[in-house]
């Protein structure tokens, strides 16, 4: 029983004193409102029409509104596809994941140079690694398809180290090329 000498609390003081009681009171009001409309827990109000839902989405309120939180990867995918960057992103993924695709040992000797359509050009630091990369081309293409996606790279062109130049000086005379000058 309340003490007659103690002053009665006002509604504002009761809510500030016990926030859980305020939340429980708001939940009870929402439940009674739903019961008065004939709804059960977990059931949505079906009286709302599709036009109402569309209007709420356009105005930024309601379920599926433009301001509702979305997953980051979904939004990035939407941005990439709307800008037409999907192939650029896939090409960048091949270059960015090169070490993962071919392994650290091959990646230390063979570097991707660039793309021309769906043809990947790589540069090996020795003729032995260029030969090794040519032998690994099929398995690397399969690995790229698994990591990045099908159709991003259809062919790999392997370049070896630059050959020595026999050209000396600024000017050049057309001739038969390098000859045996050793005796």
N, C-alpha and C. Protein backbone atom coordinates (compact mmCIF):
# COMPACT_ATOMS: atom_id res chain seq x y z
N UNK A 1 0.83 -1.18 0.00
CA UNK A 1 0.00 0.00 0.00
C UNK A 1 0.87 1.23 0.00
N UNK A 2 0.44 2.24 -0.76
CA UNK A 2 1.23 3.47 -0.80
C UNK A 2 1.13 4.21 0.53
N UNK A 3 2.22 4.81 0.88
CA UNK A 3 2.28 5.58 2.11
C UNK A 3 1.56 6.91 1.88
N UNK A 4 0.57 7.26 2.76
CA UNK A 4 -0.19 8.49 2.55
C UNK A 4 0.65 9.74 2.68
N UNK A 5 1.78 9.67 3.40
CA UNK A 5 2.60 10.86 3.58
C UNK A 5 3.48 11.12 2.35
N UNK A 6 3.76 10.04 1.55
CA UNK A 6 4.61 10.18 0.37
C UNK A 6 3.80 10.76 -0.77
N UNK A 7 4.34 11.74 -1.51
CA UNK A 7 3.59 12.29 -2.63
C UNK A 7 3.51 11.28 -3.77
N UNK A 8 2.41 11.31 -4.49
CA UNK A 8 2.22 10.38 -5.61
C UNK A 8 3.11 10.82 -6.76
N UNK A 9 3.69 9.83 -7.49
CA UNK A 9 4.58 10.13 -8.61
C UNK A 9 3.75 10.49 -9.83
N UNK A 10 4.24 11.40 -10.59
CA UNK A 10 3.56 11.74 -11.84
C UNK A 10 3.96 10.72 -12.90
N UNK A 11 3.27 10.70 -14.05
CA UNK A 11 3.53 9.72 -15.10
C UNK A 11 4.94 9.88 -15.67
N UNK A 12 5.39 11.12 -15.83
CA UNK A 12 6.73 11.37 -16.37
C UNK A 12 7.82 10.87 -15.46
N UNK A 13 7.62 11.04 -14.13
CA UNK A 13 8.60 10.57 -13.18
C UNK A 13 8.66 9.06 -13.16
N UNK A 14 7.52 8.38 -13.32
CA UNK A 14 7.48 6.92 -13.28
C UNK A 14 8.24 6.36 -14.48
N UNK A 15 8.09 6.98 -15.65
CA UNK A 15 8.78 6.48 -16.84
C UNK A 15 10.27 6.69 -16.73
N UNK A 16 10.69 7.83 -16.17
CA UNK A 16 12.13 8.09 -16.06
C UNK A 16 12.75 7.24 -14.97
N UNK A 17 11.95 6.85 -13.97
CA UNK A 17 12.48 6.03 -12.90
C UNK A 17 12.70 4.60 -13.35
N UNK A 18 11.80 4.05 -14.17
CA UNK A 18 11.91 2.66 -14.59
C UNK A 18 11.69 2.56 -16.10
N UNK A 19 12.78 2.56 -16.90
CA UNK A 19 12.62 2.50 -18.35
C UNK A 19 12.03 1.17 -18.81
N UNK A 20 12.24 0.10 -18.06
CA UNK A 20 11.68 -1.20 -18.44
C UNK A 20 10.16 -1.18 -18.33
N UNK A 21 9.65 -0.48 -17.35
CA UNK A 21 8.20 -0.39 -17.19
C UNK A 21 7.59 0.38 -18.36
N UNK A 22 8.27 1.42 -18.81
CA UNK A 22 7.79 2.19 -19.94
C UNK A 22 7.76 1.34 -21.21
N UNK A 23 8.81 0.53 -21.40
CA UNK A 23 8.86 -0.34 -22.58
C UNK A 23 7.77 -1.41 -22.51
N UNK A 24 7.54 -1.97 -21.32
CA UNK A 24 6.49 -2.98 -21.15
C UNK A 24 5.12 -2.37 -21.40
N UNK A 25 4.92 -1.13 -20.95
CA UNK A 25 3.66 -0.45 -21.18
C UNK A 25 3.42 -0.20 -22.67
N UNK A 26 4.47 0.22 -23.39
CA UNK A 26 4.35 0.45 -24.84
C UNK A 26 4.06 -0.86 -25.57
N UNK A 27 4.68 -1.96 -25.16
CA UNK A 27 4.41 -3.26 -25.76
C UNK A 27 2.98 -3.70 -25.51
N UNK A 28 2.48 -3.47 -24.31
CA UNK A 28 1.11 -3.84 -23.98
C UNK A 28 0.11 -3.03 -24.83
N UNK A 29 0.39 -1.75 -25.03
CA UNK A 29 -0.48 -0.93 -25.87
C UNK A 29 -0.46 -1.41 -27.32
N UNK A 30 0.70 -1.79 -27.84
CA UNK A 30 0.80 -2.29 -29.22
C UNK A 30 0.05 -3.60 -29.37
N UNK A 31 0.16 -4.48 -28.37
CA UNK A 31 -0.55 -5.76 -28.43
C UNK A 31 -2.07 -5.57 -28.41
N UNK A 32 -2.53 -4.68 -27.54
CA UNK A 32 -3.98 -4.45 -27.47
C UNK A 32 -4.49 -3.81 -28.75
N UNK A 33 -3.70 -2.93 -29.35
CA UNK A 33 -4.07 -2.32 -30.63
C UNK A 33 -4.16 -3.39 -31.72
N UNK A 34 -3.21 -4.32 -31.74
CA UNK A 34 -3.22 -5.39 -32.74
C UNK A 34 -4.42 -6.31 -32.52
N UNK A 35 -4.72 -6.63 -31.25
CA UNK A 35 -5.88 -7.49 -30.95
C UNK A 35 -7.18 -6.83 -31.38
N UNK A 36 -7.26 -5.51 -31.21
CA UNK A 36 -8.49 -4.82 -31.59
C UNK A 36 -8.69 -4.85 -33.11
N UNK A 37 -7.61 -4.96 -33.87
CA UNK A 37 -7.72 -5.07 -35.33
C UNK A 37 -7.84 -6.53 -35.77
N UNK A 38 -7.79 -7.46 -34.85
CA UNK A 38 -7.95 -8.88 -35.17
C UNK A 38 -6.68 -9.57 -35.59
N UNK A 39 -5.53 -9.04 -35.22
CA UNK A 39 -4.26 -9.65 -35.60
C UNK A 39 -3.73 -10.52 -34.46
N UNK A 40 -3.03 -11.58 -34.86
CA UNK A 40 -2.36 -12.44 -33.89
C UNK A 40 -0.88 -12.10 -33.90
N UNK A 41 -0.13 -12.51 -32.87
CA UNK A 41 1.32 -12.23 -32.85
C UNK A 41 2.01 -12.85 -34.07
N UNK A 42 2.87 -12.08 -34.73
CA UNK A 42 3.60 -12.54 -35.90
C UNK A 42 2.85 -12.38 -37.20
N UNK A 43 1.61 -11.96 -37.16
CA UNK A 43 0.80 -11.81 -38.37
C UNK A 43 0.88 -10.35 -38.81
N UNK A 44 0.95 -10.13 -40.13
CA UNK A 44 1.02 -8.76 -40.65
C UNK A 44 -0.37 -8.30 -41.04
N UNK A 45 -0.54 -7.02 -41.14
CA UNK A 45 -1.82 -6.43 -41.51
C UNK A 45 -2.01 -6.57 -43.01
N UNK A 46 -2.92 -7.43 -43.43
CA UNK A 46 -3.14 -7.70 -44.85
C UNK A 46 -4.07 -6.67 -45.49
N UNK A 47 -4.59 -5.77 -44.72
CA UNK A 47 -5.48 -4.75 -45.29
C UNK A 47 -4.70 -3.75 -46.13
N UNK A 48 -3.41 -3.71 -45.92
CA UNK A 48 -2.59 -2.79 -46.70
C UNK A 48 -2.48 -3.30 -48.13
N UNK A 49 -2.71 -2.47 -49.09
CA UNK A 49 -2.67 -2.89 -50.48
C UNK A 49 -1.27 -2.75 -51.04
N UNK A 50 -1.05 -3.31 -52.22
CA UNK A 50 0.25 -3.21 -52.88
C UNK A 50 0.58 -1.76 -53.22
N UNK A 51 -0.45 -0.98 -53.56
CA UNK A 51 -0.23 0.44 -53.88
C UNK A 51 0.25 1.20 -52.65
N UNK A 52 -0.30 0.86 -51.46
CA UNK A 52 0.15 1.50 -50.23
C UNK A 52 1.61 1.16 -49.96
N UNK A 53 1.96 -0.11 -50.17
CA UNK A 53 3.33 -0.54 -49.92
C UNK A 53 4.29 0.18 -50.87
N UNK A 54 3.92 0.32 -52.14
CA UNK A 54 4.75 1.01 -53.11
C UNK A 54 4.90 2.48 -52.74
N UNK A 55 3.82 3.09 -52.31
CA UNK A 55 3.88 4.50 -51.90
C UNK A 55 4.80 4.67 -50.70
N UNK A 56 4.73 3.72 -49.76
CA UNK A 56 5.60 3.81 -48.59
C UNK A 56 7.06 3.64 -48.98
N UNK A 57 7.36 2.74 -49.92
CA UNK A 57 8.74 2.54 -50.36
C UNK A 57 9.28 3.80 -51.03
N UNK A 58 8.44 4.43 -51.85
CA UNK A 58 8.89 5.64 -52.55
C UNK A 58 9.08 6.81 -51.59
N UNK A 59 8.27 6.86 -50.56
CA UNK A 59 8.38 7.97 -49.62
C UNK A 59 9.48 7.75 -48.59
N UNK A 60 10.05 6.54 -48.56
CA UNK A 60 11.14 6.27 -47.62
C UNK A 60 10.65 5.74 -46.29
N UNK A 61 9.41 5.25 -46.22
CA UNK A 61 8.90 4.66 -45.00
C UNK A 61 8.40 3.27 -45.31
N UNK A 62 8.25 2.47 -44.32
CA UNK A 62 7.67 1.14 -44.52
C UNK A 62 8.72 0.10 -44.88
N UNK A 63 8.22 -1.11 -45.11
CA UNK A 63 9.09 -2.25 -45.40
C UNK A 63 9.71 -2.11 -46.79
N UNK A 64 11.04 -2.35 -46.92
CA UNK A 64 11.72 -2.27 -48.20
C UNK A 64 12.00 -0.85 -48.65
N UNK A 65 11.99 0.09 -47.72
CA UNK A 65 12.22 1.49 -48.08
C UNK A 65 13.67 1.70 -48.50
N UNK A 66 13.90 2.80 -49.20
CA UNK A 66 15.24 3.11 -49.68
C UNK A 66 16.23 3.33 -48.54
N UNK A 67 15.74 3.71 -47.40
CA UNK A 67 16.64 3.99 -46.27
C UNK A 67 16.84 2.79 -45.37
N UNK A 68 16.19 1.66 -45.68
CA UNK A 68 16.40 0.45 -44.88
C UNK A 68 17.84 -0.01 -45.03
N UNK A 69 18.44 -0.54 -43.96
CA UNK A 69 19.83 -1.01 -44.06
C UNK A 69 19.92 -2.22 -44.99
N UNK A 70 21.00 -2.27 -45.74
CA UNK A 70 21.26 -3.39 -46.65
C UNK A 70 22.67 -3.89 -46.40
N UNK A 71 22.95 -5.12 -46.84
CA UNK A 71 24.29 -5.67 -46.69
C UNK A 71 25.25 -4.94 -47.62
N UNK A 72 26.49 -4.77 -47.17
CA UNK A 72 27.48 -4.04 -47.93
C UNK A 72 27.80 -4.72 -49.25
N UNK A 73 27.96 -6.05 -49.25
CA UNK A 73 28.31 -6.72 -50.49
C UNK A 73 27.19 -6.61 -51.52
N UNK A 74 25.94 -6.57 -51.08
CA UNK A 74 24.82 -6.40 -52.00
C UNK A 74 24.86 -5.03 -52.65
N UNK A 75 25.16 -4.01 -51.86
CA UNK A 75 25.23 -2.65 -52.39
C UNK A 75 26.42 -2.47 -53.33
N UNK A 76 27.57 -3.07 -53.00
CA UNK A 76 28.73 -2.97 -53.87
C UNK A 76 28.45 -3.67 -55.20
N UNK A 77 27.83 -4.86 -55.15
CA UNK A 77 27.47 -5.57 -56.38
C UNK A 77 26.51 -4.74 -57.23
N UNK A 78 25.54 -4.09 -56.59
CA UNK A 78 24.59 -3.26 -57.31
C UNK A 78 25.30 -2.07 -57.97
N UNK A 79 26.23 -1.44 -57.25
CA UNK A 79 26.98 -0.31 -57.79
C UNK A 79 27.84 -0.74 -58.97
N UNK A 80 28.55 -1.86 -58.83
CA UNK A 80 29.42 -2.35 -59.90
C UNK A 80 28.63 -2.68 -61.15
N UNK A 81 27.49 -3.35 -60.99
CA UNK A 81 26.69 -3.72 -62.16
C UNK A 81 26.02 -2.50 -62.79
N UNK A 82 25.59 -1.53 -61.99
CA UNK A 82 24.93 -0.36 -62.56
C UNK A 82 25.91 0.53 -63.32
N UNK A 83 27.17 0.52 -62.94
CA UNK A 83 28.18 1.34 -63.62
C UNK A 83 28.86 0.60 -64.78
N UNK A 84 28.60 -0.71 -64.91
CA UNK A 84 29.22 -1.49 -65.97
C UNK A 84 30.67 -1.83 -65.69
N UNK A 85 31.01 -1.97 -64.42
CA UNK A 85 32.39 -2.23 -64.03
C UNK A 85 32.68 -3.70 -63.79
N UNK A 86 31.76 -4.59 -64.08
CA UNK A 86 31.94 -5.99 -63.69
C UNK A 86 33.18 -6.61 -64.31
N UNK A 87 33.46 -6.36 -65.59
CA UNK A 87 34.66 -6.94 -66.19
C UNK A 87 35.92 -6.31 -65.62
N UNK A 88 35.89 -5.00 -65.37
CA UNK A 88 37.06 -4.35 -64.78
C UNK A 88 37.36 -4.89 -63.39
N UNK A 89 36.33 -5.14 -62.63
CA UNK A 89 36.51 -5.69 -61.28
C UNK A 89 37.08 -7.10 -61.36
N UNK A 90 36.59 -7.89 -62.32
CA UNK A 90 37.09 -9.26 -62.46
C UNK A 90 38.54 -9.25 -62.92
N UNK A 91 38.90 -8.36 -63.84
CA UNK A 91 40.29 -8.25 -64.28
C UNK A 91 41.17 -7.84 -63.10
N UNK A 92 40.72 -6.88 -62.33
CA UNK A 92 41.47 -6.46 -61.15
C UNK A 92 41.60 -7.58 -60.14
N UNK A 93 40.58 -8.44 -60.06
CA UNK A 93 40.64 -9.57 -59.14
C UNK A 93 41.71 -10.57 -59.56
N UNK A 94 41.89 -10.76 -60.87
CA UNK A 94 42.94 -11.68 -61.34
C UNK A 94 44.31 -11.14 -60.94
N UNK A 95 44.53 -9.86 -61.17
CA UNK A 95 45.83 -9.26 -60.85
C UNK A 95 46.02 -9.20 -59.33
N UNK A 96 44.97 -8.85 -58.60
CA UNK A 96 45.08 -8.76 -57.14
C UNK A 96 45.27 -10.11 -56.46
N UNK A 97 44.71 -11.16 -57.03
CA UNK A 97 44.82 -12.51 -56.44
C UNK A 97 45.86 -13.38 -57.14
N UNK A 98 46.76 -12.79 -57.89
CA UNK A 98 47.72 -13.54 -58.68
C UNK A 98 48.51 -14.53 -57.83
N UNK A 99 48.98 -14.10 -56.68
CA UNK A 99 49.75 -14.99 -55.80
C UNK A 99 48.90 -16.15 -55.31
N UNK A 100 47.64 -15.90 -55.00
CA UNK A 100 46.73 -16.97 -54.56
C UNK A 100 46.44 -17.94 -55.70
N UNK A 101 46.30 -17.42 -56.91
CA UNK A 101 45.95 -18.25 -58.06
C UNK A 101 47.09 -19.18 -58.45
N UNK A 102 48.31 -18.64 -58.59
CA UNK A 102 49.42 -19.46 -59.09
C UNK A 102 50.35 -19.96 -57.99
N UNK A 103 50.27 -19.43 -56.80
CA UNK A 103 51.15 -19.84 -55.72
C UNK A 103 52.31 -18.86 -55.58
N UNK A 104 52.92 -18.81 -54.41
CA UNK A 104 53.96 -17.81 -54.15
C UNK A 104 55.24 -18.02 -54.97
N UNK A 105 55.61 -19.27 -55.23
CA UNK A 105 56.85 -19.52 -55.97
C UNK A 105 56.73 -19.07 -57.42
N UNK A 106 55.64 -19.45 -58.08
CA UNK A 106 55.44 -19.02 -59.47
C UNK A 106 55.24 -17.51 -59.53
N UNK A 107 54.50 -16.95 -58.58
CA UNK A 107 54.24 -15.51 -58.58
C UNK A 107 55.52 -14.70 -58.40
N UNK A 108 56.53 -15.25 -57.74
CA UNK A 108 57.78 -14.52 -57.57
C UNK A 108 58.58 -14.46 -58.87
N UNK A 109 58.30 -15.34 -59.84
CA UNK A 109 59.03 -15.37 -61.11
C UNK A 109 58.20 -14.98 -62.32
N UNK A 110 56.86 -15.00 -62.21
CA UNK A 110 55.98 -14.68 -63.33
C UNK A 110 54.99 -13.62 -62.86
N UNK A 111 54.98 -12.47 -63.55
CA UNK A 111 54.11 -11.36 -63.16
C UNK A 111 53.10 -11.06 -64.26
N UNK A 112 51.85 -10.76 -63.91
CA UNK A 112 50.87 -10.36 -64.94
C UNK A 112 51.19 -8.95 -65.45
N UNK A 113 51.17 -8.79 -66.77
CA UNK A 113 51.43 -7.47 -67.36
C UNK A 113 50.15 -6.72 -67.66
N UNK A 114 49.15 -7.42 -68.20
CA UNK A 114 47.91 -6.73 -68.52
C UNK A 114 46.96 -7.61 -69.30
N UNK A 115 45.83 -7.02 -69.67
CA UNK A 115 44.77 -7.72 -70.38
C UNK A 115 44.55 -7.07 -71.73
N UNK A 116 44.18 -7.89 -72.70
CA UNK A 116 43.70 -7.40 -73.99
C UNK A 116 42.45 -8.20 -74.28
N UNK A 117 41.30 -7.66 -73.90
CA UNK A 117 40.05 -8.42 -73.99
C UNK A 117 40.04 -9.48 -72.90
N UNK A 118 40.07 -10.74 -73.33
CA UNK A 118 40.10 -11.84 -72.36
C UNK A 118 41.44 -12.56 -72.37
N UNK A 119 42.46 -11.94 -72.98
CA UNK A 119 43.80 -12.53 -73.06
C UNK A 119 44.68 -11.89 -71.99
N UNK A 120 45.21 -12.71 -71.11
CA UNK A 120 46.11 -12.25 -70.05
C UNK A 120 47.54 -12.42 -70.53
N UNK A 121 48.34 -11.36 -70.44
CA UNK A 121 49.74 -11.42 -70.81
C UNK A 121 50.58 -11.41 -69.54
N UNK A 122 51.49 -12.38 -69.42
CA UNK A 122 52.37 -12.48 -68.25
C UNK A 122 53.82 -12.43 -68.70
N UNK A 123 54.69 -11.97 -67.82
CA UNK A 123 56.13 -11.85 -68.10
C UNK A 123 56.89 -12.72 -67.12
N UNK A 124 57.69 -13.62 -67.66
CA UNK A 124 58.54 -14.48 -66.83
C UNK A 124 59.93 -13.87 -66.75
N UNK A 125 60.64 -14.10 -65.63
CA UNK A 125 61.95 -13.50 -65.48
C UNK A 125 63.08 -14.37 -66.06
N UNK A 126 62.79 -15.56 -66.55
CA UNK A 126 63.78 -16.39 -67.23
C UNK A 126 63.09 -17.27 -68.25
N UNK A 127 63.87 -17.81 -69.17
CA UNK A 127 63.28 -18.69 -70.18
C UNK A 127 62.77 -19.97 -69.55
N UNK A 128 63.43 -20.43 -68.49
CA UNK A 128 62.96 -21.64 -67.80
C UNK A 128 61.58 -21.41 -67.19
N UNK A 129 61.38 -20.26 -66.56
CA UNK A 129 60.06 -19.96 -65.98
C UNK A 129 59.02 -19.69 -67.04
N UNK A 130 59.43 -19.14 -68.19
CA UNK A 130 58.49 -18.95 -69.30
C UNK A 130 58.01 -20.31 -69.81
N UNK A 131 58.91 -21.26 -69.94
CA UNK A 131 58.54 -22.61 -70.35
C UNK A 131 57.64 -23.26 -69.32
N UNK A 132 57.98 -23.12 -68.06
CA UNK A 132 57.17 -23.69 -66.98
C UNK A 132 55.77 -23.10 -66.99
N UNK A 133 55.67 -21.80 -67.21
CA UNK A 133 54.35 -21.14 -67.23
C UNK A 133 53.53 -21.59 -68.43
N UNK A 134 54.18 -21.81 -69.56
CA UNK A 134 53.46 -22.33 -70.73
C UNK A 134 52.89 -23.72 -70.44
N UNK A 135 53.64 -24.53 -69.69
CA UNK A 135 53.15 -25.86 -69.32
C UNK A 135 52.00 -25.79 -68.31
N UNK A 136 52.01 -24.76 -67.48
CA UNK A 136 50.98 -24.60 -66.45
C UNK A 136 49.75 -23.82 -66.92
N UNK A 137 49.73 -23.38 -68.16
CA UNK A 137 48.67 -22.50 -68.65
C UNK A 137 47.28 -23.08 -68.43
N UNK A 138 47.09 -24.35 -68.76
CA UNK A 138 45.75 -24.94 -68.62
C UNK A 138 45.29 -24.97 -67.16
N UNK A 139 46.17 -25.35 -66.25
CA UNK A 139 45.77 -25.41 -64.84
C UNK A 139 45.56 -24.01 -64.26
N UNK A 140 46.33 -23.03 -64.74
CA UNK A 140 46.14 -21.65 -64.26
C UNK A 140 44.81 -21.10 -64.77
N UNK A 141 44.45 -21.40 -66.02
CA UNK A 141 43.15 -20.97 -66.54
C UNK A 141 42.01 -21.57 -65.74
N UNK A 142 42.14 -22.84 -65.38
CA UNK A 142 41.11 -23.50 -64.55
C UNK A 142 41.03 -22.84 -63.18
N UNK A 143 42.17 -22.53 -62.62
CA UNK A 143 42.20 -21.89 -61.29
C UNK A 143 41.60 -20.48 -61.34
N UNK A 144 41.87 -19.73 -62.41
CA UNK A 144 41.30 -18.39 -62.56
C UNK A 144 39.78 -18.49 -62.68
N UNK A 145 39.31 -19.48 -63.42
CA UNK A 145 37.86 -19.68 -63.57
C UNK A 145 37.22 -19.98 -62.22
N UNK A 146 37.91 -20.75 -61.38
CA UNK A 146 37.38 -21.07 -60.06
C UNK A 146 37.39 -19.86 -59.13
N UNK A 147 38.49 -19.11 -59.15
CA UNK A 147 38.65 -17.98 -58.23
C UNK A 147 37.83 -16.75 -58.62
N UNK A 148 37.83 -16.42 -59.92
CA UNK A 148 37.26 -15.15 -60.35
C UNK A 148 35.95 -15.32 -61.10
N UNK A 149 35.88 -16.32 -61.97
CA UNK A 149 34.66 -16.53 -62.74
C UNK A 149 34.98 -17.00 -64.15
N UNK A 150 34.00 -17.60 -64.78
CA UNK A 150 34.19 -18.14 -66.13
C UNK A 150 34.20 -17.02 -67.16
N UNK A 151 35.07 -17.16 -68.15
CA UNK A 151 35.10 -16.22 -69.26
C UNK A 151 35.91 -14.96 -69.04
N UNK A 152 36.48 -14.78 -67.86
CA UNK A 152 37.28 -13.58 -67.60
C UNK A 152 38.59 -13.67 -68.38
N UNK A 153 39.25 -14.81 -68.30
CA UNK A 153 40.49 -15.05 -69.03
C UNK A 153 40.29 -16.31 -69.86
N UNK A 154 40.47 -16.20 -71.18
CA UNK A 154 40.32 -17.37 -72.05
C UNK A 154 41.65 -17.85 -72.59
N UNK A 155 42.68 -17.00 -72.51
CA UNK A 155 43.99 -17.36 -73.05
C UNK A 155 45.06 -16.65 -72.24
N UNK A 156 46.21 -17.29 -72.11
CA UNK A 156 47.35 -16.68 -71.43
C UNK A 156 48.51 -16.63 -72.41
N UNK A 157 49.06 -15.43 -72.61
CA UNK A 157 50.25 -15.25 -73.45
C UNK A 157 51.43 -15.07 -72.53
N UNK A 158 52.45 -15.92 -72.72
CA UNK A 158 53.63 -15.89 -71.85
C UNK A 158 54.78 -15.25 -72.61
N UNK A 159 55.37 -14.23 -72.00
CA UNK A 159 56.56 -13.59 -72.55
C UNK A 159 57.75 -13.97 -71.70
N UNK A 160 58.85 -14.26 -72.37
CA UNK A 160 60.09 -14.56 -71.66
C UNK A 160 60.87 -13.29 -71.43
N UNK A 161 62.08 -13.43 -70.94
CA UNK A 161 62.91 -12.23 -70.76
C UNK A 161 63.27 -11.64 -72.11
N UNK A 162 63.58 -10.37 -72.12
CA UNK A 162 63.94 -9.69 -73.37
C UNK A 162 65.25 -10.26 -73.90
N UNK A 163 65.30 -10.52 -75.21
CA UNK A 163 66.51 -11.04 -75.85
C UNK A 163 67.54 -9.92 -75.96
N UNK A 164 68.83 -10.28 -75.99
CA UNK A 164 69.85 -9.24 -76.13
C UNK A 164 69.76 -8.58 -77.50
N UNK A 165 70.07 -7.31 -77.52
CA UNK A 165 70.00 -6.55 -78.77
C UNK A 165 71.39 -6.53 -79.41
N UNK A 166 71.42 -6.80 -80.71
CA UNK A 166 72.67 -6.73 -81.45
C UNK A 166 72.87 -5.34 -82.03
N UNK A 167 71.94 -4.49 -81.85
CA UNK A 167 72.00 -3.16 -82.41
C UNK A 167 72.90 -2.29 -81.55
N UNK A 168 73.83 -1.62 -82.21
CA UNK A 168 74.76 -0.73 -81.50
C UNK A 168 74.63 0.67 -82.08
N UNK A 169 74.48 1.66 -81.24
CA UNK A 169 74.42 3.04 -81.71
C UNK A 169 73.02 3.47 -82.10
N UNK A 170 72.96 4.78 -82.55
CA UNK A 170 71.68 5.37 -82.91
C UNK A 170 71.16 4.92 -84.25
N UNK A 171 72.03 4.80 -85.21
CA UNK A 171 71.64 4.49 -86.58
C UNK A 171 71.70 2.99 -86.81
N UNK A 172 70.92 2.55 -87.82
CA UNK A 172 70.88 1.12 -88.09
C UNK A 172 70.84 0.92 -89.60
N UNK A 173 71.67 0.05 -90.09
CA UNK A 173 71.67 -0.29 -91.51
C UNK A 173 70.96 -1.63 -91.67
N UNK A 174 70.08 -1.72 -92.66
CA UNK A 174 69.38 -2.98 -92.90
C UNK A 174 70.40 -4.01 -93.38
N UNK A 175 70.37 -5.15 -92.80
CA UNK A 175 71.32 -6.19 -93.17
C UNK A 175 70.72 -7.55 -92.98
N UNK A 176 71.57 -8.54 -92.88
CA UNK A 176 71.12 -9.91 -92.74
C UNK A 176 70.94 -10.31 -91.29
N UNK A 177 71.16 -9.44 -90.35
CA UNK A 177 71.01 -9.76 -88.95
C UNK A 177 72.35 -10.17 -88.35
N UNK A 178 72.33 -10.65 -87.12
CA UNK A 178 73.59 -11.04 -86.48
C UNK A 178 74.19 -12.27 -87.18
N UNK A 179 75.52 -12.23 -87.34
CA UNK A 179 76.22 -13.35 -87.98
C UNK A 179 77.25 -13.90 -87.04
N UNK A 180 77.84 -15.00 -87.47
CA UNK A 180 78.88 -15.62 -86.67
C UNK A 180 80.13 -14.78 -86.79
N UNK A 181 80.50 -14.12 -85.71
CA UNK A 181 81.68 -13.27 -85.72
C UNK A 181 82.77 -13.82 -84.84
N UNK A 182 82.74 -15.13 -84.60
CA UNK A 182 83.69 -15.70 -83.66
C UNK A 182 84.82 -16.45 -84.38
N UNK A 183 85.15 -16.10 -85.57
CA UNK A 183 86.32 -16.70 -86.13
C UNK A 183 86.17 -17.31 -87.41
